[in-house]
């Protein structure tokens, strides 16, 4: 089960996936990546960057990003990737 947690940064959410992820690595919106998970998360409107390490993924939003839009989409993407 993917869980989302607040971080000290209001523009970032920590999504714990319960298994090892690649990393530590950071992906920035607008940059090319061949990582399908990062590409999917970065395609969500308002996502600025994705950081992967240990057993979690941190998603950071842009100033105009909306967590009510981003969080459910991120959970769906992470669930499909890690629980399928």
PDB file of N, CA and C in Angstrom:
ATOM      1  N   UNK A   1       0.837  -1.181   0.000  1.00  0.00           N
ATOM      2  CA  UNK A   1       0.000   0.000   0.000  1.00  0.00           C
ATOM      3  C   UNK A   1       0.881   1.242   0.000  1.00  0.00           C
ATOM      4  N   UNK A   2       0.633   2.130  -0.909  1.00  0.00           N
ATOM      5  CA  UNK A   2       1.376   3.384  -1.026  1.00  0.00           C
ATOM      6  C   UNK A   2       0.795   4.372  -0.012  1.00  0.00           C
ATOM      7  N   UNK A   3       1.677   5.001   0.762  1.00  0.00           N
ATOM      8  CA  UNK A   3       1.213   6.017   1.707  1.00  0.00           C
ATOM      9  C   UNK A   3       1.857   7.350   1.362  1.00  0.00           C
ATOM     10  N   UNK A   4       1.089   8.416   1.552  1.00  0.00           N
ATOM     11  CA  UNK A   4       1.581   9.774   1.294  1.00  0.00           C
ATOM     12  C   UNK A   4       1.718  10.497   2.621  1.00  0.00           C
ATOM     13  N   UNK A   5       2.847  11.160   2.806  1.00  0.00           N
ATOM     14  CA  UNK A   5       3.108  11.897   4.040  1.00  0.00           C
ATOM     15  C   UNK A   5       3.567  13.309   3.720  1.00  0.00           C
ATOM     16  N   UNK A   6       3.165  14.228   4.597  1.00  0.00           N
ATOM     17  CA  UNK A   6       3.654  15.597   4.494  1.00  0.00           C
ATOM     18  C   UNK A   6       5.135  15.625   4.823  1.00  0.00           C
ATOM     19  N   UNK A   7       5.833  16.620   4.309  1.00  0.00           N
ATOM     20  CA  UNK A   7       7.233  16.856   4.632  1.00  0.00           C
ATOM     21  C   UNK A   7       7.331  18.273   5.202  1.00  0.00           C
ATOM     22  N   UNK A   8       8.481  18.640   5.749  1.00  0.00           N
ATOM     23  CA  UNK A   8       8.625  20.027   6.210  1.00  0.00           C
ATOM     24  C   UNK A   8       8.442  21.049   5.088  1.00  0.00           C
ATOM     25  N   UNK A   9       8.661  20.625   3.861  1.00  0.00           N
ATOM     26  CA  UNK A   9       8.479  21.494   2.694  1.00  0.00           C
ATOM     27  C   UNK A   9       7.046  21.330   2.189  1.00  0.00           C
ATOM     28  N   UNK A  10       6.222  22.384   2.233  1.00  0.00           N
ATOM     29  CA  UNK A  10       4.838  22.244   1.782  1.00  0.00           C
ATOM     30  C   UNK A  10       4.700  21.939   0.292  1.00  0.00           C
ATOM     31  N   UNK A  11       5.779  22.086  -0.462  1.00  0.00           N
ATOM     32  CA  UNK A  11       5.758  21.787  -1.891  1.00  0.00           C
ATOM     33  C   UNK A  11       6.231  20.377  -2.212  1.00  0.00           C
ATOM     34  N   UNK A  12       6.423  19.541  -1.182  1.00  0.00           N
ATOM     35  CA  UNK A  12       6.896  18.172  -1.400  1.00  0.00           C
ATOM     36  C   UNK A  12       6.077  17.193  -0.567  1.00  0.00           C
ATOM     37  N   UNK A  13       5.825  16.032  -1.147  1.00  0.00           N
ATOM     38  CA  UNK A  13       5.158  14.941  -0.444  1.00  0.00           C
ATOM     39  C   UNK A  13       6.012  13.695  -0.582  1.00  0.00           C
ATOM     40  N   UNK A  14       6.082  12.929   0.494  1.00  0.00           N
ATOM     41  CA  UNK A  14       6.832  11.677   0.526  1.00  0.00           C
ATOM     42  C   UNK A  14       5.841  10.530   0.334  1.00  0.00           C
ATOM     43  N   UNK A  15       6.086   9.715  -0.674  1.00  0.00           N
ATOM     44  CA  UNK A  15       5.251   8.554  -0.961  1.00  0.00           C
ATOM     45  C   UNK A  15       6.063   7.298  -0.645  1.00  0.00           C
ATOM     46  N   UNK A  16       5.695   6.618   0.431  1.00  0.00           N
ATOM     47  CA  UNK A  16       6.390   5.395   0.819  1.00  0.00           C
ATOM     48  C   UNK A  16       5.782   4.236   0.051  1.00  0.00           C
ATOM     49  N   UNK A  17       6.650   3.457  -0.619  1.00  0.00           N
ATOM     50  CA  UNK A  17       6.171   2.377  -1.472  1.00  0.00           C
ATOM     51  C   UNK A  17       6.387   0.998  -0.862  1.00  0.00           C
ATOM     52  N   UNK A  18       7.150   0.912   0.222  1.00  0.00           N
ATOM     53  CA  UNK A  18       7.306  -0.353   0.932  1.00  0.00           C
ATOM     54  C   UNK A  18       8.270  -1.345   0.317  1.00  0.00           C
ATOM     55  N   UNK A  19       9.063  -0.887  -0.627  1.00  0.00           N
ATOM     56  CA  UNK A  19      10.099  -1.725  -1.221  1.00  0.00           C
ATOM     57  C   UNK A  19      11.186  -0.824  -1.789  1.00  0.00           C
ATOM     58  N   UNK A  20      12.367  -1.377  -2.021  1.00  0.00           N
ATOM     59  CA  UNK A  20      13.456  -0.531  -2.515  1.00  0.00           C
ATOM     60  C   UNK A  20      13.132   0.107  -3.863  1.00  0.00           C
ATOM     61  N   UNK A  21      13.552   1.357  -3.991  1.00  0.00           N
ATOM     62  CA  UNK A  21      13.445   2.076  -5.268  1.00  0.00           C
ATOM     63  C   UNK A  21      14.863   2.392  -5.720  1.00  0.00           C
ATOM     64  N   UNK A  22      15.030   2.702  -6.974  1.00  0.00           N
ATOM     65  CA  UNK A  22      16.353   3.096  -7.450  1.00  0.00           C
ATOM     66  C   UNK A  22      16.763   4.397  -6.779  1.00  0.00           C
ATOM     67  N   UNK A  23      18.036   4.623  -6.689  1.00  0.00           N
ATOM     68  CA  UNK A  23      18.449   5.918  -6.174  1.00  0.00           C
ATOM     69  C   UNK A  23      19.608   5.816  -5.217  1.00  0.00           C
ATOM     70  N   UNK A  24      19.954   6.928  -4.663  1.00  0.00           N
ATOM     71  CA  UNK A  24      19.242   8.195  -4.780  1.00  0.00           C
ATOM     72  C   UNK A  24      19.428   8.836  -6.160  1.00  0.00           C
ATOM     73  N   UNK A  25      18.315   9.318  -6.678  1.00  0.00           N
ATOM     74  CA  UNK A  25      18.324   9.980  -7.976  1.00  0.00           C
ATOM     75  C   UNK A  25      17.194  11.006  -8.011  1.00  0.00           C
ATOM     76  N   UNK A  26      17.458  12.118  -8.686  1.00  0.00           N
ATOM     77  CA  UNK A  26      16.464  13.172  -8.840  1.00  0.00           C
ATOM     78  C   UNK A  26      16.191  13.394 -10.318  1.00  0.00           C
ATOM     79  N   UNK A  27      14.921  13.539 -10.648  1.00  0.00           N
ATOM     80  CA  UNK A  27      14.492  13.841 -12.006  1.00  0.00           C
ATOM     81  C   UNK A  27      13.761  15.181 -11.972  1.00  0.00           C
ATOM     82  N   UNK A  28      14.052  16.026 -12.929  1.00  0.00           N
ATOM     83  CA  UNK A  28      13.491  17.376 -12.996  1.00  0.00           C
ATOM     84  C   UNK A  28      12.567  17.483 -14.206  1.00  0.00           C
ATOM     85  N   UNK A  29      11.423  18.132 -14.017  1.00  0.00           N
ATOM     86  CA  UNK A  29      10.489  18.342 -15.125  1.00  0.00           C
ATOM     87  C   UNK A  29      11.206  19.069 -16.264  1.00  0.00           C
ATOM     88  N   UNK A  30      10.932  18.641 -17.466  1.00  0.00           N
ATOM     89  CA  UNK A  30      11.535  19.249 -18.636  1.00  0.00           C
ATOM     90  C   UNK A  30      12.834  18.605 -19.079  1.00  0.00           C
ATOM     91  N   UNK A  31      13.367  17.701 -18.253  1.00  0.00           N
ATOM     92  CA  UNK A  31      14.597  17.012 -18.645  1.00  0.00           C
ATOM     93  C   UNK A  31      14.244  15.635 -19.196  1.00  0.00           C
ATOM     94  N   UNK A  32      15.087  15.129 -20.067  1.00  0.00           N
ATOM     95  CA  UNK A  32      14.850  13.805 -20.646  1.00  0.00           C
ATOM     96  C   UNK A  32      15.247  12.724 -19.657  1.00  0.00           C
ATOM     97  N   UNK A  33      14.420  11.695 -19.578  1.00  0.00           N
ATOM     98  CA  UNK A  33      14.759  10.528 -18.782  1.00  0.00           C
ATOM     99  C   UNK A  33      14.204   9.293 -19.461  1.00  0.00           C
ATOM    100  N   UNK A  34      14.917   8.188 -19.321  1.00  0.00           N
ATOM    101  CA  UNK A  34      14.415   6.932 -19.855  1.00  0.00           C
ATOM    102  C   UNK A  34      13.755   6.103 -18.760  1.00  0.00           C
ATOM    103  N   UNK A  35      13.659   6.653 -17.537  1.00  0.00           N
ATOM    104  CA  UNK A  35      13.005   5.959 -16.445  1.00  0.00           C
ATOM    105  C   UNK A  35      11.481   6.105 -16.593  1.00  0.00           C
ATOM    106  N   UNK A  36      10.774   4.999 -16.808  1.00  0.00           N
ATOM    107  CA  UNK A  36       9.337   5.102 -17.066  1.00  0.00           C
ATOM    108  C   UNK A  36       8.536   5.630 -15.873  1.00  0.00           C
ATOM    109  N   UNK A  37       8.940   5.300 -14.664  1.00  0.00           N
ATOM    110  CA  UNK A  37       8.228   5.787 -13.492  1.00  0.00           C
ATOM    111  C   UNK A  37       8.403   7.295 -13.348  1.00  0.00           C
ATOM    112  N   UNK A  38       9.623   7.764 -13.458  1.00  0.00           N
ATOM    113  CA  UNK A  38       9.884   9.203 -13.363  1.00  0.00           C
ATOM    114  C   UNK A  38       9.156   9.947 -14.469  1.00  0.00           C
ATOM    115  N   UNK A  39       9.173   9.394 -15.659  1.00  0.00           N
ATOM    116  CA  UNK A  39       8.501  10.033 -16.789  1.00  0.00           C
ATOM    117  C   UNK A  39       6.996  10.146 -16.521  1.00  0.00           C
ATOM    118  N   UNK A  40       6.400   9.096 -15.977  1.00  0.00           N
ATOM    119  CA  UNK A  40       4.962   9.116 -15.677  1.00  0.00           C
ATOM    120  C   UNK A  40       4.642  10.149 -14.602  1.00  0.00           C
ATOM    121  N   UNK A  41       5.437  10.180 -13.541  1.00  0.00           N
ATOM    122  CA  UNK A  41       5.187  11.152 -12.471  1.00  0.00           C
ATOM    123  C   UNK A  41       5.393  12.583 -12.959  1.00  0.00           C
ATOM    124  N   UNK A  42       6.427  12.800 -13.746  1.00  0.00           N
ATOM    125  CA  UNK A  42       6.694  14.146 -14.257  1.00  0.00           C
ATOM    126  C   UNK A  42       5.649  14.610 -15.267  1.00  0.00           C
ATOM    127  N   UNK A  43       4.884  13.681 -15.814  1.00  0.00           N
ATOM    128  CA  UNK A  43       3.840  14.060 -16.767  1.00  0.00           C
ATOM    129  C   UNK A  43       2.585  14.587 -16.068  1.00  0.00           C
ATOM    130  N   UNK A  44       2.501  14.422 -14.751  1.00  0.00           N
ATOM    131  CA  UNK A  44       1.353  14.930 -13.997  1.00  0.00           C
ATOM    132  C   UNK A  44       1.460  16.452 -13.930  1.00  0.00           C
ATOM    133  N   UNK A  45       0.395  17.116 -14.258  1.00  0.00           N
ATOM    134  CA  UNK A  45       0.390  18.577 -14.253  1.00  0.00           C
ATOM    135  C   UNK A  45       0.751  19.119 -12.879  1.00  0.00           C
ATOM    136  N   UNK A  46       1.748  19.996 -12.837  1.00  0.00           N
ATOM    137  CA  UNK A  46       2.171  20.631 -11.601  1.00  0.00           C
ATOM    138  C   UNK A  46       3.346  19.971 -10.906  1.00  0.00           C
ATOM    139  N   UNK A  47       3.802  18.817 -11.382  1.00  0.00           N
ATOM    140  CA  UNK A  47       4.959  18.155 -10.773  1.00  0.00           C
ATOM    141  C   UNK A  47       6.231  18.795 -11.299  1.00  0.00           C
ATOM    142  N   UNK A  48       7.100  19.210 -10.365  1.00  0.00           N
ATOM    143  CA  UNK A  48       8.349  19.877 -10.731  1.00  0.00           C
ATOM    144  C   UNK A  48       9.541  18.931 -10.688  1.00  0.00           C
ATOM    145  N   UNK A  49       9.544  17.986  -9.734  1.00  0.00           N
ATOM    146  CA  UNK A  49      10.659  17.052  -9.637  1.00  0.00           C
ATOM    147  C   UNK A  49      10.244  15.802  -8.888  1.00  0.00           C
ATOM    148  N   UNK A  50      11.072  14.761  -9.061  1.00  0.00           N
ATOM    149  CA  UNK A  50      10.858  13.466  -8.425  1.00  0.00           C
ATOM    150  C   UNK A  50      12.198  13.014  -7.865  1.00  0.00           C
ATOM    151  N   UNK A  51      12.206  12.639  -6.598  1.00  0.00           N
ATOM    152  CA  UNK A  51      13.410  12.146  -5.934  1.00  0.00           C
ATOM    153  C   UNK A  51      13.122  10.734  -5.440  1.00  0.00           C
ATOM    154  N   UNK A  52      14.000   9.782  -5.777  1.00  0.00           N
ATOM    155  CA  UNK A  52      13.816   8.386  -5.383  1.00  0.00           C
ATOM    156  C   UNK A  52      15.005   7.926  -4.559  1.00  0.00           C
ATOM    157  N   UNK A  53      14.728   7.298  -3.420  1.00  0.00           N
ATOM    158  CA  UNK A  53      15.770   6.699  -2.599  1.00  0.00           C
ATOM    159  C   UNK A  53      15.132   5.763  -1.581  1.00  0.00           C
ATOM    160  N   UNK A  54      15.912   4.848  -1.065  1.00  0.00           N
ATOM    161  CA  UNK A  54      15.463   3.894  -0.046  1.00  0.00           C
ATOM    162  C   UNK A  54      14.145   3.244  -0.484  1.00  0.00           C
ATOM    163  N   UNK A  55      13.080   3.434   0.314  1.00  0.00           N
ATOM    164  CA  UNK A  55      11.781   2.835  -0.018  1.00  0.00           C
ATOM    165  C   UNK A  55      10.709   3.886  -0.258  1.00  0.00           C
ATOM    166  N   UNK A  56      11.141   5.061  -0.713  1.00  0.00           N
ATOM    167  CA  UNK A  56      10.160   6.120  -0.949  1.00  0.00           C
ATOM    168  C   UNK A  56      10.514   6.974  -2.157  1.00  0.00           C
ATOM    169  N   UNK A  57       9.478   7.702  -2.610  1.00  0.00           N
ATOM    170  CA  UNK A  57       9.594   8.638  -3.722  1.00  0.00           C
ATOM    171  C   UNK A  57       9.053   9.969  -3.225  1.00  0.00           C
ATOM    172  N   UNK A  58       9.834  11.018  -3.356  1.00  0.00           N
ATOM    173  CA  UNK A  58       9.362  12.349  -2.988  1.00  0.00           C
ATOM    174  C   UNK A  58       9.017  13.103  -4.267  1.00  0.00           C
ATOM    175  N   UNK A  59       7.799  13.615  -4.303  1.00  0.00           N
ATOM    176  CA  UNK A  59       7.330  14.396  -5.441  1.00  0.00           C
ATOM    177  C   UNK A  59       7.247  15.850  -4.990  1.00  0.00           C
ATOM    178  N   UNK A  60       7.864  16.741  -5.749  1.00  0.00           N
ATOM    179  CA  UNK A  60       7.783  18.174  -5.471  1.00  0.00           C
ATOM    180  C   UNK A  60       6.942  18.830  -6.545  1.00  0.00           C
ATOM    181  N   UNK A  61       6.125  19.786  -6.106  1.00  0.00           N
ATOM    182  CA  UNK A  61       5.240  20.461  -7.045  1.00  0.00           C
ATOM    183  C   UNK A  61       5.746  21.860  -7.360  1.00  0.00           C
ATOM    184  N   UNK A  62       5.307  22.372  -8.484  1.00  0.00           N
ATOM    185  CA  UNK A  62       5.606  23.751  -8.853  1.00  0.00           C
ATOM    186  C   UNK A  62       4.708  24.677  -8.046  1.00  0.00           C
ATOM    187  N   UNK A  63       4.968  25.972  -8.120  1.00  0.00           N
ATOM    188  CA  UNK A  63       4.184  26.949  -7.359  1.00  0.00           C
ATOM    189  C   UNK A  63       2.699  26.876  -7.697  1.00  0.00           C
ATOM    190  N   UNK A  64       2.376  26.566  -8.943  1.00  0.00           N
ATOM    191  CA  UNK A  64       0.971  26.498  -9.334  1.00  0.00           C
ATOM    192  C   UNK A  64       0.407  25.083  -9.273  1.00  0.00           C
ATOM    193  N   UNK A  65       1.195  24.137  -8.797  1.00  0.00           N
ATOM    194  CA  UNK A  65       0.717  22.760  -8.663  1.00  0.00           C
ATOM    195  C   UNK A  65      -0.307  22.641  -7.543  1.00  0.00           C
ATOM    196  N   UNK A  66      -1.201  21.687  -7.662  1.00  0.00           N
ATOM    197  CA  UNK A  66      -2.293  21.488  -6.719  1.00  0.00           C
ATOM    198  C   UNK A  66      -2.242  20.058  -6.185  1.00  0.00           C
ATOM    199  N   UNK A  67      -2.011  19.918  -4.876  1.00  0.00           N
ATOM    200  CA  UNK A  67      -1.906  18.583  -4.288  1.00  0.00           C
ATOM    201  C   UNK A  67      -3.183  17.768  -4.449  1.00  0.00           C
ATOM    202  N   UNK A  68      -4.340  18.410  -4.520  1.00  0.00           N
ATOM    203  CA  UNK A  68      -5.577  17.640  -4.679  1.00  0.00           C
ATOM    204  C   UNK A  68      -5.637  16.970  -6.052  1.00  0.00           C
ATOM    205  N   UNK A  69      -4.872  17.477  -6.994  1.00  0.00           N
ATOM    206  CA  UNK A  69      -4.762  16.873  -8.326  1.00  0.00           C
ATOM    207  C   UNK A  69      -3.568  15.918  -8.373  1.00  0.00           C
ATOM    208  N   UNK A  70      -2.429  16.379  -7.851  1.00  0.00           N
ATOM    209  CA  UNK A  70      -1.182  15.615  -7.966  1.00  0.00           C
ATOM    210  C   UNK A  70      -1.191  14.343  -7.124  1.00  0.00           C
ATOM    211  N   UNK A  71      -1.586  14.448  -5.859  1.00  0.00           N
ATOM    212  CA  UNK A  71      -1.465  13.299  -4.949  1.00  0.00           C
ATOM    213  C   UNK A  71      -2.212  12.058  -5.429  1.00  0.00           C
ATOM    214  N   UNK A  72      -3.492  12.148  -5.806  1.00  0.00           N
ATOM    215  CA  UNK A  72      -4.163  10.916  -6.252  1.00  0.00           C
ATOM    216  C   UNK A  72      -3.555  10.329  -7.522  1.00  0.00           C
ATOM    217  N   UNK A  73      -3.088  11.188  -8.414  1.00  0.00           N
ATOM    218  CA  UNK A  73      -2.457  10.683  -9.637  1.00  0.00           C
ATOM    219  C   UNK A  73      -1.122  10.017  -9.318  1.00  0.00           C
ATOM    220  N   UNK A  74      -0.346  10.616  -8.424  1.00  0.00           N
ATOM    221  CA  UNK A  74       0.932  10.026  -8.035  1.00  0.00           C
ATOM    222  C   UNK A  74       0.715   8.672  -7.365  1.00  0.00           C
ATOM    223  N   UNK A  75      -0.271   8.589  -6.488  1.00  0.00           N
ATOM    224  CA  UNK A  75      -0.566   7.315  -5.816  1.00  0.00           C
ATOM    225  C   UNK A  75      -0.970   6.263  -6.858  1.00  0.00           C
ATOM    226  N   UNK A  76      -1.783   6.631  -7.820  1.00  0.00           N
ATOM    227  CA  UNK A  76      -2.201   5.684  -8.860  1.00  0.00           C
ATOM    228  C   UNK A  76      -1.004   5.196  -9.683  1.00  0.00           C
ATOM    229  N   UNK A  77      -0.126   6.109 -10.053  1.00  0.00           N
ATOM    230  CA  UNK A  77       1.064   5.747 -10.834  1.00  0.00           C
ATOM    231  C   UNK A  77       1.982   4.843 -10.022  1.00  0.00           C
ATOM    232  N   UNK A  78       2.229   5.200  -8.769  1.00  0.00           N
ATOM    233  CA  UNK A  78       3.107   4.395  -7.916  1.00  0.00           C
ATOM    234  C   UNK A  78       2.497   3.026  -7.620  1.00  0.00           C
ATOM    235  N   UNK A  79       1.198   2.987  -7.404  1.00  0.00           N
ATOM    236  CA  UNK A  79       0.515   1.727  -7.152  1.00  0.00           C
ATOM    237  C   UNK A  79       0.641   0.803  -8.366  1.00  0.00           C
ATOM    238  N   UNK A  80       0.381   1.336  -9.546  1.00  0.00           N
ATOM    239  CA  UNK A  80       0.505   0.528 -10.758  1.00  0.00           C
ATOM    240  C   UNK A  80       1.921   0.012 -10.945  1.00  0.00           C
ATOM    241  N   UNK A  81       2.903   0.821 -10.602  1.00  0.00           N
ATOM    242  CA  UNK A  81       4.311   0.435 -10.793  1.00  0.00           C
ATOM    243  C   UNK A  81       4.782  -0.581  -9.762  1.00  0.00           C
ATOM    244  N   UNK A  82       4.466  -0.351  -8.490  1.00  0.00           N
ATOM    245  CA  UNK A  82       5.024  -1.169  -7.420  1.00  0.00           C
ATOM    246  C   UNK A  82       4.125  -2.287  -6.932  1.00  0.00           C
ATOM    247  N   UNK A  83       2.835  -2.232  -7.214  1.00  0.00           N
ATOM    248  CA  UNK A  83       1.939  -3.251  -6.706  1.00  0.00           C
ATOM    249  C   UNK A  83       1.338  -4.111  -7.799  1.00  0.00           C
ATOM    250  N   UNK A  84       1.859  -3.993  -9.009  1.00  0.00           N
ATOM    251  CA  UNK A  84       1.309  -4.820 -10.101  1.00  0.00           C
ATOM    252  C   UNK A  84       2.132  -6.060 -10.310  1.00  0.00           C
TER     253      UNK A  84
END
